[in-house]
Amino acid sequence: MEYHLSTPVSREDIKKLKAGDVVYISGTFLTARDKAHMRILEYFSSGKQLPFDLEGSVIFHGAPVVEKEGEEWKIVAIGPTTSARMNDLEPDVIRNGGILIVGKGGMDKSTLKALHDSCSAYLSMTGGIAVIGARMVENVAGVEWLDLGLAEAVWKLEVKDFGPLTVTMDAHMNDLYENVRQRVSENIKKMG
């Protein structure tokens, strides 16, 4: 199935998604890599209010290449980074409101469990298409935590039909990467 979702994304939208579905997102999403995830968790543990809302959010594992034109930021390129780097951090971020995670390469079983428990999903984007990704960004709505550096800051981006994204891990404990690994393993065994 193909879905066109708008942010904030609802849990009802997430329940419909199945591993293998294709998704396009319009609205706002947040970029967050390793250091941003660590800071988010520091805020949670200290009871501080985040400068952005995670509930119903889309969290993109990636860093834009940006340039400043006057007072405005412009996205030159944006593509996904390897999500496995956030395996230890993502479950707690998901449990605290992150509803859709976008990255590449998949994540581990603890993240899959958190996605299930929180009715969230992980979507994969093809790597190597960062210039195309930038064309789907309509506006930079803000940036937080620039002290982490341009790549690690949290960028609030307004996007239109951002995709295609593949549902790789759904809220029903389905993991597309694991399914493929199992089928390959079974086929290898059949070959003798």
N, C-alpha and C. Protein backbone atom coordinates (compact mmCIF):
# COMPACT_ATOMS: atom_id res chain seq x y z
N MET A 1 0.84 -1.19 0.00
CA MET A 1 0.00 0.00 0.00
C MET A 1 0.89 1.25 0.00
N GLU A 2 0.31 2.33 -0.46
CA GLU A 2 1.00 3.62 -0.45
C GLU A 2 0.19 4.58 0.40
N TYR A 3 0.90 5.31 1.27
CA TYR A 3 0.25 6.26 2.17
C TYR A 3 0.90 7.63 2.05
N HIS A 4 0.08 8.67 2.12
CA HIS A 4 0.55 10.05 2.18
C HIS A 4 0.12 10.57 3.54
N LEU A 5 1.10 10.77 4.43
CA LEU A 5 0.82 11.18 5.80
C LEU A 5 1.21 12.63 6.00
N SER A 6 0.47 13.30 6.88
CA SER A 6 0.78 14.67 7.27
C SER A 6 1.08 14.70 8.75
N THR A 7 1.99 15.58 9.13
CA THR A 7 2.33 15.71 10.55
C THR A 7 1.40 16.72 11.20
N PRO A 8 1.13 16.58 12.49
CA PRO A 8 1.58 15.48 13.35
C PRO A 8 0.90 14.18 12.96
N VAL A 9 1.66 13.10 13.00
CA VAL A 9 1.16 11.78 12.62
C VAL A 9 0.40 11.18 13.81
N SER A 10 -0.73 10.55 13.53
CA SER A 10 -1.52 9.97 14.61
C SER A 10 -1.19 8.49 14.79
N ARG A 11 -1.49 7.96 15.96
CA ARG A 11 -1.30 6.53 16.22
C ARG A 11 -2.21 5.70 15.30
N GLU A 12 -3.38 6.25 14.96
CA GLU A 12 -4.28 5.54 14.03
C GLU A 12 -3.62 5.38 12.66
N ASP A 13 -2.91 6.42 12.20
CA ASP A 13 -2.17 6.32 10.94
C ASP A 13 -1.12 5.22 11.03
N ILE A 14 -0.41 5.17 12.15
CA ILE A 14 0.67 4.20 12.33
C ILE A 14 0.13 2.77 12.33
N LYS A 15 -1.02 2.57 12.97
CA LYS A 15 -1.60 1.21 13.03
C LYS A 15 -1.88 0.64 11.65
N LYS A 16 -2.14 1.49 10.67
CA LYS A 16 -2.44 1.04 9.31
C LYS A 16 -1.19 0.56 8.56
N LEU A 17 -0.03 1.08 8.96
CA LEU A 17 1.19 0.79 8.22
C LEU A 17 1.67 -0.64 8.46
N LYS A 18 2.11 -1.27 7.38
CA LYS A 18 2.66 -2.63 7.43
C LYS A 18 4.04 -2.62 6.76
N ALA A 19 4.93 -3.45 7.25
CA ALA A 19 6.26 -3.57 6.65
C ALA A 19 6.12 -3.80 5.16
N GLY A 20 6.85 -3.01 4.38
CA GLY A 20 6.79 -3.08 2.92
C GLY A 20 5.96 -1.98 2.29
N ASP A 21 5.10 -1.31 3.08
CA ASP A 21 4.31 -0.20 2.55
C ASP A 21 5.23 0.97 2.19
N VAL A 22 4.74 1.83 1.31
CA VAL A 22 5.46 3.03 0.89
C VAL A 22 4.76 4.25 1.48
N VAL A 23 5.55 5.19 2.00
CA VAL A 23 5.02 6.37 2.68
C VAL A 23 5.67 7.63 2.13
N TYR A 24 4.85 8.67 1.99
CA TYR A 24 5.32 10.03 1.69
C TYR A 24 4.84 10.91 2.84
N ILE A 25 5.70 11.81 3.30
CA ILE A 25 5.36 12.65 4.44
C ILE A 25 5.33 14.11 4.03
N SER A 26 4.28 14.80 4.47
CA SER A 26 4.20 16.26 4.31
C SER A 26 4.01 16.86 5.69
N GLY A 27 4.62 18.01 5.89
CA GLY A 27 4.52 18.67 7.19
C GLY A 27 5.90 18.98 7.73
N THR A 28 6.07 18.76 9.02
CA THR A 28 7.32 19.11 9.69
C THR A 28 8.01 17.86 10.21
N PHE A 29 9.32 17.79 10.01
CA PHE A 29 10.06 16.75 10.72
C PHE A 29 11.33 17.31 11.32
N LEU A 30 11.88 16.55 12.25
CA LEU A 30 13.07 16.94 13.00
C LEU A 30 14.23 16.04 12.61
N THR A 31 15.40 16.63 12.37
CA THR A 31 16.59 15.80 12.18
C THR A 31 17.19 15.54 13.56
N ALA A 32 17.72 14.36 13.75
CA ALA A 32 18.39 14.05 15.03
C ALA A 32 19.36 12.90 14.81
N ARG A 33 20.62 13.19 15.09
CA ARG A 33 21.65 12.16 15.02
C ARG A 33 22.09 11.81 16.44
N ASP A 34 23.25 11.21 16.58
CA ASP A 34 23.73 10.69 17.86
C ASP A 34 23.69 11.71 18.99
N LYS A 35 24.37 12.84 18.80
CA LYS A 35 24.47 13.82 19.89
C LYS A 35 23.11 14.42 20.24
N ALA A 36 22.27 14.63 19.25
CA ALA A 36 20.93 15.16 19.52
C ALA A 36 20.12 14.15 20.33
N HIS A 37 20.23 12.87 19.99
CA HIS A 37 19.53 11.84 20.77
C HIS A 37 20.02 11.84 22.22
N MET A 38 21.33 11.95 22.40
CA MET A 38 21.87 11.99 23.77
C MET A 38 21.33 13.18 24.54
N ARG A 39 21.27 14.33 23.88
CA ARG A 39 20.76 15.51 24.57
C ARG A 39 19.27 15.38 24.88
N ILE A 40 18.51 14.83 23.95
CA ILE A 40 17.08 14.59 24.20
C ILE A 40 16.92 13.75 25.47
N LEU A 41 17.71 12.69 25.58
CA LEU A 41 17.61 11.82 26.76
C LEU A 41 18.07 12.53 28.03
N GLU A 42 19.07 13.42 27.92
CA GLU A 42 19.48 14.23 29.08
C GLU A 42 18.33 15.11 29.54
N TYR A 43 17.62 15.71 28.60
CA TYR A 43 16.46 16.54 28.95
C TYR A 43 15.40 15.70 29.65
N PHE A 44 15.12 14.51 29.13
CA PHE A 44 14.13 13.64 29.76
C PHE A 44 14.53 13.32 31.19
N SER A 45 15.80 12.92 31.39
CA SER A 45 16.22 12.48 32.72
C SER A 45 16.27 13.62 33.72
N SER A 46 16.49 14.85 33.25
CA SER A 46 16.55 15.99 34.18
C SER A 46 15.21 16.71 34.31
N GLY A 47 14.21 16.26 33.55
CA GLY A 47 12.89 16.88 33.63
C GLY A 47 12.77 18.21 32.90
N LYS A 48 13.78 18.54 32.08
CA LYS A 48 13.73 19.79 31.31
C LYS A 48 12.79 19.65 30.12
N GLN A 49 12.18 20.76 29.74
CA GLN A 49 11.28 20.82 28.59
C GLN A 49 12.10 20.91 27.30
N LEU A 50 11.81 20.03 26.34
CA LEU A 50 12.49 20.10 25.05
C LEU A 50 12.05 21.36 24.30
N PRO A 51 12.93 21.92 23.47
CA PRO A 51 12.56 23.11 22.68
C PRO A 51 11.73 22.76 21.44
N PHE A 52 11.29 21.53 21.33
CA PHE A 52 10.44 21.07 20.23
C PHE A 52 9.55 19.96 20.78
N ASP A 53 8.47 19.68 20.07
CA ASP A 53 7.51 18.68 20.52
C ASP A 53 7.76 17.35 19.82
N LEU A 54 7.96 16.29 20.59
CA LEU A 54 8.18 14.97 20.00
C LEU A 54 6.88 14.23 19.69
N GLU A 55 5.80 14.55 20.40
CA GLU A 55 4.55 13.80 20.21
C GLU A 55 4.03 13.99 18.78
N GLY A 56 3.85 12.88 18.09
CA GLY A 56 3.37 12.92 16.71
C GLY A 56 4.43 13.32 15.70
N SER A 57 5.68 13.34 16.16
CA SER A 57 6.75 13.85 15.30
C SER A 57 7.35 12.78 14.40
N VAL A 58 8.05 13.26 13.39
CA VAL A 58 8.88 12.43 12.53
C VAL A 58 10.32 12.80 12.86
N ILE A 59 11.11 11.80 13.23
CA ILE A 59 12.52 12.02 13.54
C ILE A 59 13.35 11.42 12.42
N PHE A 60 14.14 12.26 11.78
CA PHE A 60 14.94 11.85 10.63
C PHE A 60 16.39 11.66 11.06
N HIS A 61 16.92 10.46 10.88
CA HIS A 61 18.33 10.18 11.16
C HIS A 61 19.14 10.68 9.98
N GLY A 62 19.58 11.90 10.07
CA GLY A 62 20.36 12.47 8.99
C GLY A 62 20.76 13.89 9.34
N ALA A 63 21.64 14.42 8.54
CA ALA A 63 22.09 15.79 8.75
C ALA A 63 22.05 16.51 7.41
N PRO A 64 21.41 17.65 7.39
CA PRO A 64 21.40 18.38 6.13
C PRO A 64 22.73 19.10 5.89
N VAL A 65 23.05 19.27 4.63
CA VAL A 65 24.10 20.21 4.25
C VAL A 65 23.36 21.52 4.08
N VAL A 66 23.77 22.53 4.83
CA VAL A 66 23.04 23.80 4.84
C VAL A 66 23.95 24.96 4.45
N GLU A 67 23.31 26.02 3.98
CA GLU A 67 24.02 27.27 3.77
C GLU A 67 23.09 28.39 4.22
N LYS A 68 23.68 29.46 4.68
CA LYS A 68 22.89 30.58 5.16
C LYS A 68 22.86 31.66 4.10
N GLU A 69 21.64 32.08 3.76
CA GLU A 69 21.44 33.18 2.81
C GLU A 69 20.81 34.32 3.58
N GLY A 70 21.61 35.30 3.95
CA GLY A 70 21.12 36.37 4.81
C GLY A 70 20.83 35.80 6.19
N GLU A 71 19.59 35.91 6.63
CA GLU A 71 19.18 35.36 7.92
C GLU A 71 18.50 34.00 7.78
N GLU A 72 18.34 33.53 6.55
CA GLU A 72 17.61 32.28 6.30
C GLU A 72 18.57 31.12 6.02
N TRP A 73 18.23 29.95 6.53
CA TRP A 73 18.96 28.73 6.22
C TRP A 73 18.34 28.08 4.99
N LYS A 74 19.19 27.51 4.15
CA LYS A 74 18.73 26.79 2.97
C LYS A 74 19.34 25.39 3.00
N ILE A 75 18.52 24.38 2.70
CA ILE A 75 19.00 23.01 2.64
C ILE A 75 19.57 22.74 1.26
N VAL A 76 20.83 22.35 1.20
CA VAL A 76 21.50 22.04 -0.05
C VAL A 76 21.36 20.54 -0.36
N ALA A 77 21.47 19.72 0.68
CA ALA A 77 21.34 18.27 0.53
C ALA A 77 20.90 17.69 1.87
N ILE A 78 20.10 16.62 1.81
CA ILE A 78 19.72 15.92 3.03
C ILE A 78 19.40 14.47 2.70
N GLY A 79 20.14 13.60 3.33
CA GLY A 79 19.92 12.17 3.15
C GLY A 79 20.05 11.46 4.49
N PRO A 80 19.68 10.20 4.53
CA PRO A 80 19.70 9.46 5.79
C PRO A 80 21.09 9.03 6.20
N THR A 81 21.27 8.85 7.50
CA THR A 81 22.48 8.25 8.03
C THR A 81 22.12 6.88 8.60
N THR A 82 23.11 6.10 8.90
CA THR A 82 22.89 4.74 9.41
C THR A 82 22.23 4.78 10.78
N SER A 83 21.04 4.24 10.85
CA SER A 83 20.24 4.31 12.07
C SER A 83 20.77 3.45 13.20
N ALA A 84 21.49 2.38 12.89
CA ALA A 84 21.97 1.47 13.93
C ALA A 84 22.82 2.20 14.97
N ARG A 85 23.40 3.33 14.60
CA ARG A 85 24.19 4.11 15.56
C ARG A 85 23.34 4.59 16.73
N MET A 86 22.03 4.69 16.53
CA MET A 86 21.14 5.17 17.59
C MET A 86 20.40 4.03 18.29
N ASN A 87 20.80 2.77 18.06
CA ASN A 87 20.10 1.63 18.66
C ASN A 87 19.95 1.74 20.18
N ASP A 88 21.00 2.15 20.87
CA ASP A 88 20.95 2.23 22.33
C ASP A 88 20.09 3.39 22.83
N LEU A 89 19.86 4.38 22.00
CA LEU A 89 19.17 5.60 22.40
C LEU A 89 17.72 5.66 21.95
N GLU A 90 17.44 5.08 20.79
CA GLU A 90 16.13 5.27 20.16
C GLU A 90 14.95 4.74 20.97
N PRO A 91 15.04 3.58 21.62
CA PRO A 91 13.86 3.10 22.35
C PRO A 91 13.31 4.11 23.36
N ASP A 92 14.20 4.79 24.09
CA ASP A 92 13.72 5.79 25.06
C ASP A 92 13.14 7.02 24.38
N VAL A 93 13.69 7.40 23.24
CA VAL A 93 13.13 8.53 22.49
C VAL A 93 11.73 8.16 21.99
N ILE A 94 11.59 6.95 21.48
CA ILE A 94 10.28 6.48 20.99
C ILE A 94 9.27 6.47 22.13
N ARG A 95 9.66 5.95 23.28
CA ARG A 95 8.73 5.86 24.42
C ARG A 95 8.29 7.24 24.92
N ASN A 96 9.04 8.27 24.56
CA ASN A 96 8.71 9.62 24.99
C ASN A 96 8.10 10.47 23.89
N GLY A 97 7.57 9.83 22.84
CA GLY A 97 6.80 10.58 21.86
C GLY A 97 7.19 10.47 20.42
N GLY A 98 8.40 10.05 20.11
CA GLY A 98 8.79 9.91 18.70
C GLY A 98 7.93 8.86 18.03
N ILE A 99 7.21 9.21 17.00
CA ILE A 99 6.22 8.28 16.43
C ILE A 99 6.68 7.66 15.11
N LEU A 100 7.37 8.40 14.29
CA LEU A 100 7.93 7.86 13.05
C LEU A 100 9.41 8.17 13.03
N ILE A 101 10.21 7.15 12.80
CA ILE A 101 11.65 7.31 12.69
C ILE A 101 12.01 7.02 11.24
N VAL A 102 12.83 7.89 10.64
CA VAL A 102 13.26 7.71 9.25
C VAL A 102 14.78 7.64 9.22
N GLY A 103 15.32 6.63 8.58
CA GLY A 103 16.76 6.50 8.46
C GLY A 103 17.11 5.48 7.40
N LYS A 104 18.28 4.84 7.58
CA LYS A 104 18.64 3.77 6.64
C LYS A 104 19.29 2.63 7.41
N GLY A 105 19.12 1.44 6.87
CA GLY A 105 19.82 0.28 7.41
C GLY A 105 19.10 -0.49 8.49
N GLY A 106 17.98 0.01 8.98
CA GLY A 106 17.24 -0.71 10.01
C GLY A 106 17.80 -0.50 11.40
N MET A 107 17.10 -1.08 12.38
CA MET A 107 17.50 -0.95 13.78
C MET A 107 17.34 -2.30 14.46
N ASP A 108 17.66 -2.37 15.75
CA ASP A 108 17.70 -3.66 16.43
C ASP A 108 16.36 -4.05 17.05
N LYS A 109 16.36 -5.22 17.70
CA LYS A 109 15.14 -5.77 18.28
C LYS A 109 14.58 -4.92 19.43
N SER A 110 15.45 -4.26 20.19
CA SER A 110 14.94 -3.41 21.28
C SER A 110 14.18 -2.21 20.71
N THR A 111 14.63 -1.71 19.58
CA THR A 111 13.89 -0.63 18.92
C THR A 111 12.58 -1.15 18.36
N LEU A 112 12.60 -2.34 17.76
CA LEU A 112 11.36 -2.94 17.25
C LEU A 112 10.34 -3.10 18.37
N LYS A 113 10.79 -3.54 19.54
CA LYS A 113 9.88 -3.70 20.69
C LYS A 113 9.32 -2.35 21.12
N ALA A 114 10.17 -1.32 21.17
CA ALA A 114 9.71 0.02 21.53
C ALA A 114 8.70 0.55 20.51
N LEU A 115 8.93 0.28 19.23
CA LEU A 115 7.99 0.68 18.19
C LEU A 115 6.64 0.01 18.43
N HIS A 116 6.67 -1.26 18.74
CA HIS A 116 5.43 -2.01 19.02
C HIS A 116 4.72 -1.45 20.26
N ASP A 117 5.47 -1.30 21.34
CA ASP A 117 4.88 -0.84 22.61
C ASP A 117 4.30 0.56 22.52
N SER A 118 4.88 1.39 21.65
CA SER A 118 4.47 2.79 21.54
C SER A 118 3.63 3.08 20.30
N CYS A 119 3.31 2.05 19.52
CA CYS A 119 2.58 2.21 18.27
C CYS A 119 3.27 3.24 17.37
N SER A 120 4.52 2.91 17.04
CA SER A 120 5.36 3.75 16.20
C SER A 120 5.90 2.89 15.06
N ALA A 121 6.64 3.51 14.12
CA ALA A 121 7.19 2.77 12.99
C ALA A 121 8.52 3.36 12.56
N TYR A 122 9.32 2.52 11.91
CA TYR A 122 10.60 2.92 11.35
C TYR A 122 10.50 2.83 9.83
N LEU A 123 10.87 3.91 9.16
CA LEU A 123 10.83 3.99 7.70
C LEU A 123 12.24 4.13 7.16
N SER A 124 12.52 3.46 6.06
CA SER A 124 13.84 3.55 5.44
C SER A 124 13.79 4.43 4.20
N MET A 125 14.88 5.18 4.03
CA MET A 125 15.06 6.00 2.84
C MET A 125 16.32 5.51 2.15
N THR A 126 16.30 5.50 0.86
CA THR A 126 17.47 5.10 0.09
C THR A 126 18.60 6.10 0.31
N GLY A 127 19.79 5.59 0.54
CA GLY A 127 20.95 6.46 0.68
C GLY A 127 21.43 6.95 -0.68
N GLY A 128 22.23 8.00 -0.67
CA GLY A 128 22.83 8.50 -1.91
C GLY A 128 21.96 9.43 -2.73
N ILE A 129 20.83 9.87 -2.15
CA ILE A 129 19.94 10.76 -2.92
C ILE A 129 19.71 12.08 -2.17
N ALA A 130 20.75 12.57 -1.51
CA ALA A 130 20.62 13.74 -0.66
C ALA A 130 20.19 15.00 -1.42
N VAL A 131 20.63 15.16 -2.64
CA VAL A 131 20.24 16.34 -3.42
C VAL A 131 18.75 16.26 -3.75
N ILE A 132 18.27 15.07 -4.08
CA ILE A 132 16.83 14.88 -4.33
C ILE A 132 16.05 15.14 -3.05
N GLY A 133 16.56 14.66 -1.92
CA GLY A 133 15.91 14.92 -0.63
C GLY A 133 15.74 16.40 -0.37
N ALA A 134 16.75 17.20 -0.72
CA ALA A 134 16.69 18.64 -0.49
C ALA A 134 15.56 19.30 -1.29
N ARG A 135 15.24 18.75 -2.43
CA ARG A 135 14.15 19.32 -3.25
C ARG A 135 12.79 19.16 -2.60
N MET A 136 12.67 18.22 -1.67
CA MET A 136 11.40 17.98 -0.99
C MET A 136 11.25 18.83 0.27
N VAL A 137 12.31 19.56 0.63
CA VAL A 137 12.26 20.45 1.79
C VAL A 137 11.81 21.82 1.31
N GLU A 138 10.67 22.27 1.83
CA GLU A 138 10.13 23.57 1.42
C GLU A 138 10.67 24.73 2.24
N ASN A 139 11.04 24.45 3.50
CA ASN A 139 11.43 25.54 4.38
C ASN A 139 12.16 24.99 5.59
N VAL A 140 13.12 25.77 6.08
CA VAL A 140 13.73 25.49 7.38
C VAL A 140 12.96 26.31 8.40
N ALA A 141 12.18 25.62 9.23
CA ALA A 141 11.32 26.30 10.20
C ALA A 141 12.06 26.66 11.48
N GLY A 142 13.24 26.10 11.67
CA GLY A 142 14.01 26.42 12.86
C GLY A 142 15.16 25.44 13.05
N VAL A 143 16.02 25.79 13.98
CA VAL A 143 17.14 24.92 14.34
C VAL A 143 17.40 25.08 15.84
N GLU A 144 17.66 23.98 16.49
CA GLU A 144 17.96 23.96 17.92
C GLU A 144 19.31 23.29 18.13
N TRP A 145 19.99 23.71 19.17
CA TRP A 145 21.23 23.08 19.62
C TRP A 145 22.35 23.18 18.59
N LEU A 146 22.52 24.38 18.02
CA LEU A 146 23.62 24.60 17.09
C LEU A 146 24.98 24.39 17.75
N ASP A 147 25.03 24.45 19.08
CA ASP A 147 26.29 24.20 19.78
C ASP A 147 26.81 22.78 19.53
N LEU A 148 25.95 21.88 19.08
CA LEU A 148 26.37 20.52 18.75
C LEU A 148 27.04 20.44 17.38
N GLY A 149 26.96 21.52 16.61
CA GLY A 149 27.49 21.55 15.25
C GLY A 149 26.36 21.45 14.24
N LEU A 150 26.60 21.89 13.03
CA LEU A 150 25.55 21.89 12.01
C LEU A 150 24.98 20.50 11.75
N ALA A 151 25.84 19.49 11.72
CA ALA A 151 25.38 18.13 11.42
C ALA A 151 24.58 17.52 12.57
N GLU A 152 24.91 17.87 13.80
CA GLU A 152 24.27 17.25 14.97
C GLU A 152 23.12 18.08 15.53
N ALA A 153 22.96 19.30 15.08
CA ALA A 153 21.86 20.14 15.56
C ALA A 153 20.53 19.51 15.15
N VAL A 154 19.46 19.92 15.81
CA VAL A 154 18.12 19.47 15.45
C VAL A 154 17.52 20.51 14.51
N TRP A 155 17.28 20.11 13.27
CA TRP A 155 16.70 20.98 12.26
C TRP A 155 15.22 20.66 12.14
N LYS A 156 14.41 21.69 12.20
CA LYS A 156 12.96 21.55 12.03
C LYS A 156 12.66 21.93 10.58
N LEU A 157 12.30 20.93 9.78
CA LEU A 157 12.14 21.12 8.34
C LEU A 157 10.70 20.93 7.91
N GLU A 158 10.22 21.80 7.05
CA GLU A 158 8.89 21.65 6.46
C GLU A 158 9.08 20.98 5.11
N VAL A 159 8.41 19.83 4.94
CA VAL A 159 8.59 19.02 3.74
C VAL A 159 7.27 18.78 3.03
N LYS A 160 7.37 18.46 1.76
CA LYS A 160 6.19 18.15 0.94
C LYS A 160 6.46 16.83 0.22
N ASP A 161 5.59 15.85 0.46
CA ASP A 161 5.71 14.53 -0.16
C ASP A 161 7.13 13.98 -0.08
N PHE A 162 7.70 14.03 1.13
CA PHE A 162 9.06 13.53 1.35
C PHE A 162 9.03 12.00 1.25
N GLY A 163 9.71 11.48 0.26
CA GLY A 163 9.72 10.05 0.05
C GLY A 163 10.18 9.74 -1.36
N PRO A 164 10.05 8.50 -1.78
CA PRO A 164 9.35 7.41 -1.11
C PRO A 164 10.16 6.84 0.05
N LEU A 165 9.46 6.51 1.11
CA LEU A 165 10.03 5.87 2.29
C LEU A 165 9.37 4.49 2.42
N THR A 166 10.14 3.50 2.80
CA THR A 166 9.60 2.15 2.96
C THR A 166 9.42 1.83 4.44
N VAL A 167 8.24 1.35 4.79
CA VAL A 167 8.02 0.90 6.17
C VAL A 167 8.87 -0.35 6.36
N THR A 168 9.88 -0.24 7.20
CA THR A 168 10.81 -1.34 7.42
C THR A 168 10.50 -2.08 8.71
N MET A 169 10.08 -1.35 9.73
CA MET A 169 9.69 -1.94 11.02
C MET A 169 8.36 -1.31 11.39
N ASP A 170 7.33 -2.15 11.56
CA ASP A 170 6.01 -1.59 11.86
C ASP A 170 5.62 -1.80 13.32
N ALA A 171 4.49 -1.27 13.70
CA ALA A 171 4.01 -1.36 15.08
C ALA A 171 3.50 -2.75 15.44
N HIS A 172 3.51 -3.66 14.47
CA HIS A 172 3.00 -5.02 14.67
C HIS A 172 4.13 -6.04 14.80
N MET A 173 5.35 -5.55 15.09
CA MET A 173 6.55 -6.38 15.29
C MET A 173 7.08 -7.01 14.00
N ASN A 174 6.73 -6.44 12.85
CA ASN A 174 7.27 -6.92 11.58
C ASN A 174 8.52 -6.13 11.23
N ASP A 175 9.56 -6.84 10.82
CA ASP A 175 10.84 -6.24 10.46
C ASP A 175 11.22 -6.73 9.06
N LEU A 176 11.12 -5.84 8.09
CA LEU A 176 11.37 -6.21 6.69
C LEU A 176 12.79 -6.76 6.50
N TYR A 177 13.78 -6.13 7.12
CA TYR A 177 15.16 -6.61 6.99
C TYR A 177 15.30 -8.02 7.55
N GLU A 178 14.71 -8.27 8.72
CA GLU A 178 14.79 -9.60 9.33
C GLU A 178 14.06 -10.63 8.47
N ASN A 179 12.93 -10.26 7.90
CA ASN A 179 12.20 -11.17 7.02
C ASN A 179 13.05 -11.57 5.81
N VAL A 180 13.75 -10.60 5.24
CA VAL A 180 14.62 -10.89 4.09
C VAL A 180 15.77 -11.79 4.53
N ARG A 181 16.39 -11.49 5.69
CA ARG A 181 17.49 -12.33 6.18
C ARG A 181 17.03 -13.78 6.37
N GLN A 182 15.85 -13.96 6.94
CA GLN A 182 15.33 -15.32 7.16
C GLN A 182 15.10 -16.05 5.84
N ARG A 183 14.52 -15.36 4.86
CA ARG A 183 14.27 -16.00 3.56
C ARG A 183 15.57 -16.37 2.87
N VAL A 184 16.55 -15.49 2.94
CA VAL A 184 17.85 -15.78 2.33
C VAL A 184 18.48 -17.00 3.01
N SER A 185 18.43 -17.03 4.34
CA SER A 185 18.99 -18.16 5.08
C SER A 185 18.30 -19.47 4.70
N GLU A 186 16.98 -19.43 4.60
CA GLU A 186 16.22 -20.63 4.20
C GLU A 186 16.59 -21.07 2.79
N ASN A 187 16.74 -20.11 1.89
CA ASN A 187 17.10 -20.45 0.51
C ASN A 187 18.51 -21.03 0.42
N ILE A 188 19.43 -20.51 1.23
CA ILE A 188 20.79 -21.05 1.25
C ILE A 188 20.78 -22.50 1.74
N LYS A 189 19.98 -22.76 2.78
CA LYS A 189 19.87 -24.13 3.30
C LYS A 189 19.31 -25.08 2.23
N LYS A 190 18.35 -24.61 1.47
CA LYS A 190 17.75 -25.44 0.41
C LYS A 190 18.77 -25.77 -0.69
N MET A 191 19.70 -24.85 -0.90
CA MET A 191 20.71 -25.05 -1.95
C MET A 191 21.73 -26.11 -1.53
N GLY A 192 21.76 -26.43 -0.24
CA GLY A 192 22.60 -27.51 0.24
C GLY A 192 23.96 -27.10 0.56
